[in-house]
Protein backbone atom coordinates (compact mmCIF):
# COMPACT_ATOMS: atom_id res chain seq x y z
CA MET A 1 47.48 28.44 -32.57
CA LEU A 2 49.24 27.98 -29.52
CA LEU A 3 48.81 23.76 -31.06
CA ASP A 4 51.14 24.45 -33.78
CA LYS A 5 53.93 26.00 -31.45
CA ALA A 6 53.31 23.08 -29.17
CA ILE A 7 53.93 20.85 -32.35
CA THR A 8 56.96 23.14 -34.10
CA GLY A 9 58.48 23.32 -30.44
CA CYS A 10 58.40 19.64 -29.98
CA LEU A 11 59.75 18.92 -33.63
CA THR A 12 63.16 20.52 -33.35
CA ASP A 13 63.51 19.56 -29.59
CA ASP A 14 67.16 17.90 -29.17
CA VAL A 15 65.28 14.88 -26.69
CA ASP A 16 64.46 12.06 -29.40
CA GLU A 17 61.51 11.48 -26.95
CA ILE A 18 59.97 15.45 -27.01
CA ARG A 19 60.37 14.97 -30.81
CA SER A 20 58.52 11.59 -30.86
CA LEU A 21 56.03 13.62 -29.13
CA GLY A 22 55.53 16.43 -31.75
CA THR A 23 55.33 13.57 -34.57
CA THR A 24 52.44 12.30 -32.30
CA LEU A 25 51.17 15.56 -32.16
CA ARG A 26 51.63 16.46 -35.38
CA SER A 27 49.25 12.93 -36.96
CA TRP A 28 46.78 13.93 -34.38
CA ARG A 29 46.57 17.46 -34.60
CA ARG A 30 42.73 16.86 -36.47
CA GLU A 31 41.48 15.05 -33.75
CA ILE A 32 42.96 16.96 -31.00
CA LEU A 33 41.56 20.01 -32.48
CA ALA A 34 37.83 18.09 -33.08
CA HIS A 35 37.52 17.15 -29.47
CA HIS A 36 38.31 20.90 -28.53
CA ALA A 37 35.66 22.56 -30.50
CA THR A 38 32.89 19.64 -29.90
CA GLY A 39 33.70 18.53 -26.30
CA ALA A 40 32.83 14.73 -27.92
CA SER A 41 34.74 12.00 -25.94
CA ASN A 42 34.50 8.03 -26.25
CA GLY A 43 35.03 7.66 -22.36
CA PRO A 44 31.21 6.76 -22.36
CA THR A 45 31.57 4.03 -25.56
CA GLU A 46 34.55 2.46 -23.07
CA GLY A 47 32.79 2.63 -19.95
CA LEU A 48 29.95 0.43 -21.17
CA ASN A 49 32.74 -1.29 -22.94
CA LEU A 50 34.16 -1.99 -19.71
CA LEU A 51 31.24 -2.78 -18.26
CA VAL A 52 30.06 -5.31 -20.75
CA LYS A 53 33.33 -6.87 -20.30
CA LYS A 54 32.58 -7.22 -16.48
CA VAL A 55 29.19 -9.20 -16.58
CA LYS A 56 30.51 -11.73 -19.38
CA ARG A 57 33.60 -12.20 -16.92
CA CYS A 58 30.91 -12.38 -14.19
CA GLY A 59 28.51 -14.91 -15.70
CA HIS A 60 30.96 -17.64 -16.51
CA GLY A 61 29.49 -18.34 -20.36
CA PHE A 62 26.03 -18.03 -21.16
CA ARG A 63 23.65 -20.51 -22.82
CA THR A 64 21.98 -17.91 -25.17
CA PHE A 65 22.58 -14.68 -26.71
CA GLU A 66 19.37 -13.05 -25.00
CA HIS A 67 20.77 -13.88 -21.71
CA TYR A 68 23.64 -12.72 -22.12
CA ARG A 69 22.49 -9.36 -23.98
CA LEU A 70 19.40 -9.04 -20.48
CA ARG A 71 22.39 -9.26 -18.31
CA VAL A 72 24.53 -6.58 -19.94
CA LEU A 73 21.29 -4.44 -19.78
CA LEU A 74 20.16 -5.13 -16.33
CA HIS A 75 23.97 -3.96 -15.23
CA ALA A 76 23.76 -1.02 -17.69
CA GLY A 77 19.81 0.37 -16.49
CA GLY A 78 18.93 0.21 -19.83
CA VAL A 79 15.89 -2.38 -19.60
CA THR A 80 12.65 -1.23 -20.08
CA TRP A 81 10.33 -4.19 -19.60
CA PRO A 82 7.11 -4.12 -21.53
CA ALA A 83 3.81 -3.13 -19.68
CA ARG A 84 2.09 -5.70 -18.48
CA PRO A 85 -1.49 -6.12 -19.49
CA ARG A 86 -4.47 -4.47 -17.62
CA PRO A 87 -6.62 -7.05 -16.18
CA PRO A 88 -10.05 -7.17 -17.86
CA ARG A 89 -12.93 -5.36 -16.55
CA ILE A 90 -15.53 -7.26 -14.68
CA ARG A 91 -18.07 -5.04 -14.62
CA THR A 92 -19.75 -3.63 -17.65
CA ARG A 93 -21.82 -0.59 -16.51
CA ALA A 94 -21.44 1.31 -13.05
CA PRO A 95 -23.54 0.33 -9.56
CA PRO A 96 -26.86 1.78 -9.16
CA LEU A 97 -26.43 5.12 -6.80
CA THR A 98 -27.55 3.81 -3.28
CA ARG A 99 -29.33 6.60 -1.47
CA VAL A 100 -28.52 7.53 2.34
CA GLY A 101 -30.70 8.87 4.48
CA PRO A 102 -34.78 9.97 3.86
CA VAL A 103 -36.30 10.57 1.01
C-alpha cells in the first residue's frame, strides 16, 4: 500500500523532521485510511463551531440560553418556525348560488 511505503520511507530518512512525519503518519494511519475509504470529514462540524463562536463574540453576552440558541439557529439557517394557526372559519355553510340572467 502506498501509505505504508511512505511511512517506511519517512521513518528511514536521515532528516529528523521527515522521521517525525513518519511517526505522525504511522500513528494516524487508521484515520487517514478511514478518510480515504469513506470521504468523511469534520469540516462541516468545524464550520458550525466557528459560526457559533462568532455569534457568541458578536452577541456581547446573552441573558438567556434560549436567546443565544435562537440567534445561532438564525445564523445557521436551521430555524423552522412553528406553523401559524389558521384563523377560524366565519361561515359554516356555503352561500346560496345567485342566478344571473333570465330563468
